[in-house]
Amino acid sequence: MAMDDKIDNKAEELKGKAKEGVGRATDDEGLEAEGRGDQASGKVKQAGEKVKDAAKDVFKK
């Protein structure tokens, strides 16, 4: 399950980059902002996954 989450989070970040790029190219500030939001969301979720992984490592010892 964790690997699926990591893939989904990275996909969300990449989707956000694409949206931001399209928004910038078409001068659509709303789409650009939405893309930045998607990127931020994906990065926060990835950070959460890293914390969970670190906690697992601590408790395995």
C-alpha atoms as a PDB file:
ATOM      1  CA  MET A   1       0.000   0.000   0.000  1.00  0.00           C
ATOM      2  CA  ALA A   2       2.776   2.465   0.844  1.00  0.00           C
ATOM      3  CA  MET A   3       4.386   2.142  -2.580  1.00  0.00           C
ATOM      4  CA  ASP A   4       1.033   2.819  -4.243  1.00  0.00           C
ATOM      5  CA  ASP A   5       0.673   5.949  -2.122  1.00  0.00           C
ATOM      6  CA  LYS A   6       4.157   7.126  -3.067  1.00  0.00           C
ATOM      7  CA  ILE A   7       3.408   6.632  -6.756  1.00  0.00           C
ATOM      8  CA  ASP A   8       0.073   8.449  -6.443  1.00  0.00           C
ATOM      9  CA  ASN A   9       1.712  11.349  -4.612  1.00  0.00           C
ATOM     10  CA  LYS A  10       4.455  11.712  -7.220  1.00  0.00           C
ATOM     11  CA  ALA A  11       1.850  11.509  -9.995  1.00  0.00           C
ATOM     12  CA  GLU A  12      -0.115  14.299  -8.314  1.00  0.00           C
ATOM     13  CA  GLU A  13       3.017  16.440  -8.161  1.00  0.00           C
ATOM     14  CA  LEU A  14       3.798  15.800 -11.835  1.00  0.00           C
ATOM     15  CA  LYS A  15       0.202  16.533 -12.819  1.00  0.00           C
ATOM     16  CA  GLY A  16       0.532  19.817 -10.962  1.00  0.00           C
ATOM     17  CA  LYS A  17       3.695  20.692 -12.878  1.00  0.00           C
ATOM     18  CA  ALA A  18       1.899  20.004 -16.142  1.00  0.00           C
ATOM     19  CA  LYS A  19      -1.099  22.125 -15.130  1.00  0.00           C
ATOM     20  CA  GLU A  20       1.164  24.964 -14.055  1.00  0.00           C
ATOM     21  CA  GLY A  21       3.027  24.814 -17.356  1.00  0.00           C
ATOM     22  CA  VAL A  22      -0.156  24.797 -19.421  1.00  0.00           C
ATOM     23  CA  GLY A  23      -1.553  27.631 -17.313  1.00  0.00           C
ATOM     24  CA  ARG A  24       1.593  29.655 -17.832  1.00  0.00           C
ATOM     25  CA  ALA A  25       1.619  28.953 -21.589  1.00  0.00           C
ATOM     26  CA  THR A  26      -2.045  29.899 -22.009  1.00  0.00           C
ATOM     27  CA  ASP A  27      -1.886  32.815 -19.554  1.00  0.00           C
ATOM     28  CA  ASP A  28      -4.498  31.079 -17.360  1.00  0.00           C
ATOM     29  CA  GLU A  29      -3.659  32.193 -13.831  1.00  0.00           C
ATOM     30  CA  GLY A  30      -6.305  29.926 -12.306  1.00  0.00           C
ATOM     31  CA  LEU A  31      -4.885  26.797 -13.916  1.00  0.00           C
ATOM     32  CA  GLU A  32      -1.372  27.860 -13.003  1.00  0.00           C
ATOM     33  CA  ALA A  33      -2.389  28.318  -9.352  1.00  0.00           C
ATOM     34  CA  GLU A  34      -4.225  24.996  -9.348  1.00  0.00           C
ATOM     35  CA  GLY A  35      -1.081  23.339 -10.658  1.00  0.00           C
ATOM     36  CA  ARG A  36       1.022  24.874  -7.894  1.00  0.00           C
ATOM     37  CA  GLY A  37      -1.547  23.647  -5.381  1.00  0.00           C
ATOM     38  CA  ASP A  38      -1.412  20.113  -6.756  1.00  0.00           C
ATOM     39  CA  GLN A  39       2.375  20.169  -6.556  1.00  0.00           C
ATOM     40  CA  ALA A  40       2.321  21.360  -2.964  1.00  0.00           C
ATOM     41  CA  SER A  41      -0.228  18.724  -2.015  1.00  0.00           C
ATOM     42  CA  GLY A  42       1.840  15.965  -3.587  1.00  0.00           C
ATOM     43  CA  LYS A  43       4.991  17.161  -1.827  1.00  0.00           C
ATOM     44  CA  VAL A  44       3.260  17.301   1.570  1.00  0.00           C
ATOM     45  CA  LYS A  45       1.937  13.775   1.084  1.00  0.00           C
ATOM     46  CA  GLN A  46       5.409  12.568   0.083  1.00  0.00           C
ATOM     47  CA  ALA A  47       6.842  14.132   3.238  1.00  0.00           C
ATOM     48  CA  GLY A  48       4.223  12.265   5.264  1.00  0.00           C
ATOM     49  CA  GLU A  49       5.260   9.002   3.630  1.00  0.00           C
ATOM     50  CA  LYS A  50       8.900   9.706   4.520  1.00  0.00           C
ATOM     51  CA  VAL A  51       7.926  10.287   8.146  1.00  0.00           C
ATOM     52  CA  LYS A  52       6.008   7.004   8.207  1.00  0.00           C
ATOM     53  CA  ASP A  53       8.994   5.188   6.693  1.00  0.00           C
ATOM     54  CA  ALA A  54      11.350   6.717   9.254  1.00  0.00           C
ATOM     55  CA  ALA A  55       9.028   5.732  12.084  1.00  0.00           C
ATOM     56  CA  LYS A  56       8.906   2.163  10.793  1.00  0.00           C
ATOM     57  CA  ASP A  57      12.694   2.057  10.726  1.00  0.00           C
ATOM     58  CA  VAL A  58      12.918   3.324  14.315  1.00  0.00           C
ATOM     59  CA  PHE A  59      10.450   0.779  15.638  1.00  0.00           C
ATOM     60  CA  LYS A  60      12.001  -2.148  13.750  1.00  0.00           C
ATOM     61  CA  LYS A  61      15.185  -1.831  15.819  1.00  0.00           C
END
